Amino acid sequence: MAKYKVIALSVGGKGNQVFKVGDIVSSENFNDAKVLVDGGFLEEIMEAKKAAPKAAPKRTSKKK
């Protein structure tokens, strides 16, 4: 499910809901969110993928 940030003063959604600038909404709140993105009313939020933890460096023992 895509998430968006409202960048217009207000946007009407399903069920006569009104979202104001700065609200975080999902694609379920609108009939066609892509049209609102293309029109400059919504901005898609890209969720940063969590980086996999780095493996600890392998230790090598030096025998003398």
PDB file of N, CA and C in Angstrom:
ATOM      1  N   MET A   1       0.844  -1.164   0.000  1.00  0.00           N
ATOM      2  CA  MET A   1       0.000   0.000   0.000  1.00  0.00           C
ATOM      3  C   MET A   1       0.898   1.237   0.000  1.00  0.00           C
ATOM      4  N   ALA A   2       0.720   2.089  -0.975  1.00  0.00           N
ATOM      5  CA  ALA A   2       1.529   3.291  -1.103  1.00  0.00           C
ATOM      6  C   ALA A   2       1.083   4.350  -0.097  1.00  0.00           C
ATOM      7  N   LYS A   3       2.059   5.126   0.381  1.00  0.00           N
ATOM      8  CA  LYS A   3       1.760   6.218   1.303  1.00  0.00           C
ATOM      9  C   LYS A   3       2.144   7.534   0.642  1.00  0.00           C
ATOM     10  N   TYR A   4       1.369   8.563   0.986  1.00  0.00           N
ATOM     11  CA  TYR A   4       1.556   9.869   0.376  1.00  0.00           C
ATOM     12  C   TYR A   4       1.508  10.956   1.436  1.00  0.00           C
ATOM     13  N   LYS A   5       2.131  12.099   1.111  1.00  0.00           N
ATOM     14  CA  LYS A   5       2.049  13.285   1.956  1.00  0.00           C
ATOM     15  C   LYS A   5       1.250  14.322   1.172  1.00  0.00           C
ATOM     16  N   VAL A   6       0.267  14.944   1.819  1.00  0.00           N
ATOM     17  CA  VAL A   6      -0.547  15.973   1.171  1.00  0.00           C
ATOM     18  C   VAL A   6       0.292  17.239   1.060  1.00  0.00           C
ATOM     19  N   ILE A   7       0.450  17.752  -0.171  1.00  0.00           N
ATOM     20  CA  ILE A   7       1.230  18.971  -0.372  1.00  0.00           C
ATOM     21  C   ILE A   7       0.364  20.137  -0.843  1.00  0.00           C
ATOM     22  N   ALA A   8      -0.927  19.890  -1.061  1.00  0.00           N
ATOM     23  CA  ALA A   8      -1.876  20.956  -1.379  1.00  0.00           C
ATOM     24  C   ALA A   8      -2.498  21.435  -0.069  1.00  0.00           C
ATOM     25  N   LEU A   9      -3.176  22.562  -0.077  1.00  0.00           N
ATOM     26  CA  LEU A   9      -3.811  23.052   1.147  1.00  0.00           C
ATOM     27  C   LEU A   9      -4.804  22.048   1.700  1.00  0.00           C
ATOM     28  N   SER A  10      -5.581  21.418   0.811  1.00  0.00           N
ATOM     29  CA  SER A  10      -6.492  20.352   1.224  1.00  0.00           C
ATOM     30  C   SER A  10      -6.852  19.499   0.017  1.00  0.00           C
ATOM     31  N   VAL A  11      -7.202  18.240   0.299  1.00  0.00           N
ATOM     32  CA  VAL A  11      -7.556  17.289  -0.747  1.00  0.00           C
ATOM     33  C   VAL A  11      -8.742  16.477  -0.244  1.00  0.00           C
ATOM     34  N   GLY A  12      -9.746  16.288  -1.103  1.00  0.00           N
ATOM     35  CA  GLY A  12     -10.893  15.470  -0.748  1.00  0.00           C
ATOM     36  C   GLY A  12     -10.661  14.017  -1.114  1.00  0.00           C
ATOM     37  N   GLY A  13     -11.058  13.126  -0.215  1.00  0.00           N
ATOM     38  CA  GLY A  13     -10.876  11.698  -0.452  1.00  0.00           C
ATOM     39  C   GLY A  13     -12.196  10.960  -0.415  1.00  0.00           C
ATOM     40  N   LYS A  14     -12.112   9.647  -0.290  1.00  0.00           N
ATOM     41  CA  LYS A  14     -13.303   8.810  -0.214  1.00  0.00           C
ATOM     42  C   LYS A  14     -14.120   9.164   1.021  1.00  0.00           C
ATOM     43  N   GLY A  15     -15.420   9.017   0.912  1.00  0.00           N
ATOM     44  CA  GLY A  15     -16.307   9.244   2.047  1.00  0.00           C
ATOM     45  C   GLY A  15     -16.320  10.680   2.530  1.00  0.00           C
ATOM     46  N   ASN A  16     -16.089  11.626   1.629  1.00  0.00           N
ATOM     47  CA  ASN A  16     -16.079  13.059   1.944  1.00  0.00           C
ATOM     48  C   ASN A  16     -15.039  13.431   3.004  1.00  0.00           C
ATOM     49  N   GLN A  17     -13.979  12.646   3.106  1.00  0.00           N
ATOM     50  CA  GLN A  17     -12.897  12.989   4.021  1.00  0.00           C
ATOM     51  C   GLN A  17     -12.086  14.122   3.416  1.00  0.00           C
ATOM     52  N   VAL A  18     -11.630  15.034   4.261  1.00  0.00           N
ATOM     53  CA  VAL A  18     -10.777  16.126   3.817  1.00  0.00           C
ATOM     54  C   VAL A  18      -9.443  16.001   4.529  1.00  0.00           C
ATOM     55  N   PHE A  19      -8.379  15.977   3.743  1.00  0.00           N
ATOM     56  CA  PHE A  19      -7.023  15.885   4.278  1.00  0.00           C
ATOM     57  C   PHE A  19      -6.334  17.218   4.067  1.00  0.00           C
ATOM     58  N   LYS A  20      -5.595  17.661   5.063  1.00  0.00           N
ATOM     59  CA  LYS A  20      -4.932  18.962   5.009  1.00  0.00           C
ATOM     60  C   LYS A  20      -3.451  18.805   4.739  1.00  0.00           C
ATOM     61  N   VAL A  21      -2.817  19.903   4.366  1.00  0.00           N
ATOM     62  CA  VAL A  21      -1.397  19.909   4.042  1.00  0.00           C
ATOM     63  C   VAL A  21      -0.590  19.286   5.183  1.00  0.00           C
ATOM     64  N   GLY A  22       0.326  18.391   4.810  1.00  0.00           N
ATOM     65  CA  GLY A  22       1.169  17.723   5.791  1.00  0.00           C
ATOM     66  C   GLY A  22       0.634  16.393   6.291  1.00  0.00           C
ATOM     67  N   ASP A  23      -0.642  16.085   6.023  1.00  0.00           N
ATOM     68  CA  ASP A  23      -1.213  14.804   6.451  1.00  0.00           C
ATOM     69  C   ASP A  23      -0.559  13.660   5.678  1.00  0.00           C
ATOM     70  N   ILE A  24      -0.385  12.535   6.342  1.00  0.00           N
ATOM     71  CA  ILE A  24       0.111  11.324   5.699  1.00  0.00           C
ATOM     72  C   ILE A  24      -1.098  10.429   5.435  1.00  0.00           C
ATOM     73  N   VAL A  25      -1.276  10.043   4.175  1.00  0.00           N
ATOM     74  CA  VAL A  25      -2.436   9.259   3.763  1.00  0.00           C
ATOM     75  C   VAL A  25      -1.969   8.036   2.982  1.00  0.00           C
ATOM     76  N   SER A  26      -2.905   7.120   2.722  1.00  0.00           N
ATOM     77  CA  SER A  26      -2.560   5.941   1.927  1.00  0.00           C
ATOM     78  C   SER A  26      -3.415   5.911   0.672  1.00  0.00           C
ATOM     79  N   SER A  27      -3.074   4.990  -0.219  1.00  0.00           N
ATOM     80  CA  SER A  27      -3.819   4.879  -1.477  1.00  0.00           C
ATOM     81  C   SER A  27      -5.262   4.459  -1.235  1.00  0.00           C
ATOM     82  N   GLU A  28      -5.553   3.858  -0.084  1.00  0.00           N
ATOM     83  CA  GLU A  28      -6.918   3.446   0.242  1.00  0.00           C
ATOM     84  C   GLU A  28      -7.847   4.630   0.496  1.00  0.00           C
ATOM     85  N   ASN A  29      -7.284   5.818   0.737  1.00  0.00           N
ATOM     86  CA  ASN A  29      -8.084   6.995   1.023  1.00  0.00           C
ATOM     87  C   ASN A  29      -8.652   7.658  -0.240  1.00  0.00           C
ATOM     88  N   PHE A  30      -8.218   7.205  -1.420  1.00  0.00           N
ATOM     89  CA  PHE A  30      -8.600   7.858  -2.671  1.00  0.00           C
ATOM     90  C   PHE A  30      -9.007   6.828  -3.719  1.00  0.00           C
ATOM     91  N   ASN A  31      -9.829   7.276  -4.664  1.00  0.00           N
ATOM     92  CA  ASN A  31     -10.188   6.410  -5.782  1.00  0.00           C
ATOM     93  C   ASN A  31      -8.992   6.203  -6.700  1.00  0.00           C
ATOM     94  N   ASP A  32      -8.259   7.266  -6.989  1.00  0.00           N
ATOM     95  CA  ASP A  32      -7.093   7.177  -7.869  1.00  0.00           C
ATOM     96  C   ASP A  32      -6.041   8.171  -7.387  1.00  0.00           C
ATOM     97  N   ALA A  33      -5.164   7.711  -6.509  1.00  0.00           N
ATOM     98  CA  ALA A  33      -4.143   8.590  -5.929  1.00  0.00           C
ATOM     99  C   ALA A  33      -3.135   9.036  -6.977  1.00  0.00           C
ATOM    100  N   LYS A  34      -2.894   8.235  -8.014  1.00  0.00           N
ATOM    101  CA  LYS A  34      -1.910   8.595  -9.040  1.00  0.00           C
ATOM    102  C   LYS A  34      -2.292   9.896  -9.732  1.00  0.00           C
ATOM    103  N   VAL A  35      -3.579  10.105  -9.952  1.00  0.00           N
ATOM    104  CA  VAL A  35      -4.041  11.344 -10.580  1.00  0.00           C
ATOM    105  C   VAL A  35      -3.693  12.540  -9.683  1.00  0.00           C
ATOM    106  N   LEU A  36      -3.842  12.360  -8.381  1.00  0.00           N
ATOM    107  CA  LEU A  36      -3.532  13.443  -7.449  1.00  0.00           C
ATOM    108  C   LEU A  36      -2.033  13.698  -7.360  1.00  0.00           C
ATOM    109  N   VAL A  37      -1.238  12.648  -7.511  1.00  0.00           N
ATOM    110  CA  VAL A  37       0.224  12.823  -7.534  1.00  0.00           C
ATOM    111  C   VAL A  37       0.622  13.591  -8.787  1.00  0.00           C
ATOM    112  N   ASP A  38       0.088  13.169  -9.930  1.00  0.00           N
ATOM    113  CA  ASP A  38       0.394  13.840 -11.200  1.00  0.00           C
ATOM    114  C   ASP A  38      -0.081  15.293 -11.201  1.00  0.00           C
ATOM    115  N   GLY A  39      -1.159  15.577 -10.486  1.00  0.00           N
ATOM    116  CA  GLY A  39      -1.694  16.934 -10.418  1.00  0.00           C
ATOM    117  C   GLY A  39      -0.990  17.825  -9.407  1.00  0.00           C
ATOM    118  N   GLY A  40      -0.081  17.257  -8.620  1.00  0.00           N
ATOM    119  CA  GLY A  40       0.675  18.070  -7.669  1.00  0.00           C
ATOM    120  C   GLY A  40      -0.013  18.244  -6.327  1.00  0.00           C
ATOM    121  N   PHE A  41      -0.964  17.376  -5.996  1.00  0.00           N
ATOM    122  CA  PHE A  41      -1.665  17.469  -4.725  1.00  0.00           C
ATOM    123  C   PHE A  41      -1.058  16.559  -3.660  1.00  0.00           C
ATOM    124  N   LEU A  42      -0.497  15.433  -4.101  1.00  0.00           N
ATOM    125  CA  LEU A  42       0.115  14.466  -3.194  1.00  0.00           C
ATOM    126  C   LEU A  42       1.551  14.205  -3.629  1.00  0.00           C
ATOM    127  N   GLU A  43       2.368  13.823  -2.657  1.00  0.00           N
ATOM    128  CA  GLU A  43       3.753  13.439  -2.932  1.00  0.00           C
ATOM    129  C   GLU A  43       3.969  12.050  -2.349  1.00  0.00           C
ATOM    130  N   GLU A  44       4.430  11.113  -3.177  1.00  0.00           N
ATOM    131  CA  GLU A  44       4.627   9.750  -2.693  1.00  0.00           C
ATOM    132  C   GLU A  44       5.802   9.705  -1.723  1.00  0.00           C
ATOM    133  N   ILE A  45       5.607   8.961  -0.656  1.00  0.00           N
ATOM    134  CA  ILE A  45       6.648   8.790   0.352  1.00  0.00           C
ATOM    135  C   ILE A  45       7.346   7.472   0.068  1.00  0.00           C
ATOM    136  N   MET A  46       8.628   7.551  -0.132  1.00  0.00           N
ATOM    137  CA  MET A  46       9.417   6.336  -0.359  1.00  0.00           C
ATOM    138  C   MET A  46       9.961   5.881   0.988  1.00  0.00           C
ATOM    139  N   GLU A  47       9.576   4.684   1.384  1.00  0.00           N
ATOM    140  CA  GLU A  47      10.069   4.158   2.644  1.00  0.00           C
ATOM    141  C   GLU A  47      11.473   3.620   2.441  1.00  0.00           C
ATOM    142  N   ALA A  48      12.366   4.040   3.303  1.00  0.00           N
ATOM    143  CA  ALA A  48      13.747   3.569   3.210  1.00  0.00           C
ATOM    144  C   ALA A  48      13.805   2.111   3.638  1.00  0.00           C
ATOM    145  N   LYS A  49      14.460   1.328   2.840  1.00  0.00           N
ATOM    146  CA  LYS A  49      14.610  -0.078   3.185  1.00  0.00           C
ATOM    147  C   LYS A  49      15.652  -0.187   4.284  1.00  0.00           C
ATOM    148  N   LYS A  50      15.364  -1.031   5.240  1.00  0.00           N
ATOM    149  CA  LYS A  50      16.311  -1.234   6.319  1.00  0.00           C
ATOM    150  C   LYS A  50      17.505  -2.017   5.787  1.00  0.00           C
ATOM    151  N   ALA A  51      18.671  -1.507   6.071  1.00  0.00           N
ATOM    152  CA  ALA A  51      19.883  -2.181   5.626  1.00  0.00           C
ATOM    153  C   ALA A  51      20.127  -3.414   6.474  1.00  0.00           C
ATOM    154  N   ALA A  52      20.571  -4.434   5.830  1.00  0.00           N
ATOM    155  CA  ALA A  52      20.894  -5.666   6.557  1.00  0.00           C
ATOM    156  C   ALA A  52      22.116  -5.402   7.430  1.00  0.00           C
ATOM    157  N   PRO A  53      22.133  -5.945   8.623  1.00  0.00           N
ATOM    158  CA  PRO A  53      23.286  -5.721   9.480  1.00  0.00           C
ATOM    159  C   PRO A  53      24.544  -6.290   8.833  1.00  0.00           C
ATOM    160  N   LYS A  54      25.616  -5.542   8.988  1.00  0.00           N
ATOM    161  CA  LYS A  54      26.874  -5.969   8.398  1.00  0.00           C
ATOM    162  C   LYS A  54      27.460  -7.106   9.221  1.00  0.00           C
ATOM    163  N   ALA A  55      28.033  -8.044   8.534  1.00  0.00           N
ATOM    164  CA  ALA A  55      28.659  -9.171   9.211  1.00  0.00           C
ATOM    165  C   ALA A  55      29.955  -8.708   9.860  1.00  0.00           C
ATOM    166  N   ALA A  56      30.227  -9.230  11.024  1.00  0.00           N
ATOM    167  CA  ALA A  56      31.462  -8.889  11.720  1.00  0.00           C
ATOM    168  C   ALA A  56      32.638  -9.446  10.932  1.00  0.00           C
ATOM    169  N   PRO A  57      33.733  -8.714  10.897  1.00  0.00           N
ATOM    170  CA  PRO A  57      34.890  -9.221  10.158  1.00  0.00           C
ATOM    171  C   PRO A  57      35.403 -10.513  10.788  1.00  0.00           C
ATOM    172  N   LYS A  58      35.857 -11.407   9.930  1.00  0.00           N
ATOM    173  CA  LYS A  58      36.371 -12.679  10.425  1.00  0.00           C
ATOM    174  C   LYS A  58      37.729 -12.450  11.082  1.00  0.00           C
ATOM    175  N   ARG A  59      37.868 -13.070  12.223  1.00  0.00           N
ATOM    176  CA  ARG A  59      39.141 -12.937  12.929  1.00  0.00           C
ATOM    177  C   ARG A  59      40.010 -14.135  12.583  1.00  0.00           C
ATOM    178  N   THR A  60      41.234 -13.845  12.317  1.00  0.00           N
ATOM    179  CA  THR A  60      42.176 -14.926  12.055  1.00  0.00           C
ATOM    180  C   THR A  60      43.231 -14.909  13.155  1.00  0.00           C
ATOM    181  N   SER A  61      43.513 -16.046  13.653  1.00  0.00           N
ATOM    182  CA  SER A  61      44.538 -16.102  14.701  1.00  0.00           C
ATOM    183  C   SER A  61      45.878 -16.404  14.081  1.00  0.00           C
ATOM    184  N   LYS A  62      46.849 -15.662  14.488  1.00  0.00           N
ATOM    185  CA  LYS A  62      48.198 -15.879  13.997  1.00  0.00           C
ATOM    186  C   LYS A  62      48.983 -16.613  15.073  1.00  0.00           C
ATOM    187  N   LYS A  63      49.385 -17.796  14.764  1.00  0.00           N
ATOM    188  CA  LYS A  63      50.181 -18.563  15.718  1.00  0.00           C
ATOM    189  C   LYS A  63      51.652 -18.341  15.427  1.00  0.00           C
ATOM    190  N   LYS A  64      52.394 -18.144  16.488  1.00  0.00           N
ATOM    191  CA  LYS A  64      53.840 -17.919  16.344  1.00  0.00           C
ATOM    192  C   LYS A  64      54.620 -19.095  16.775  1.00  0.00           C
TER     193      LYS A  64
END
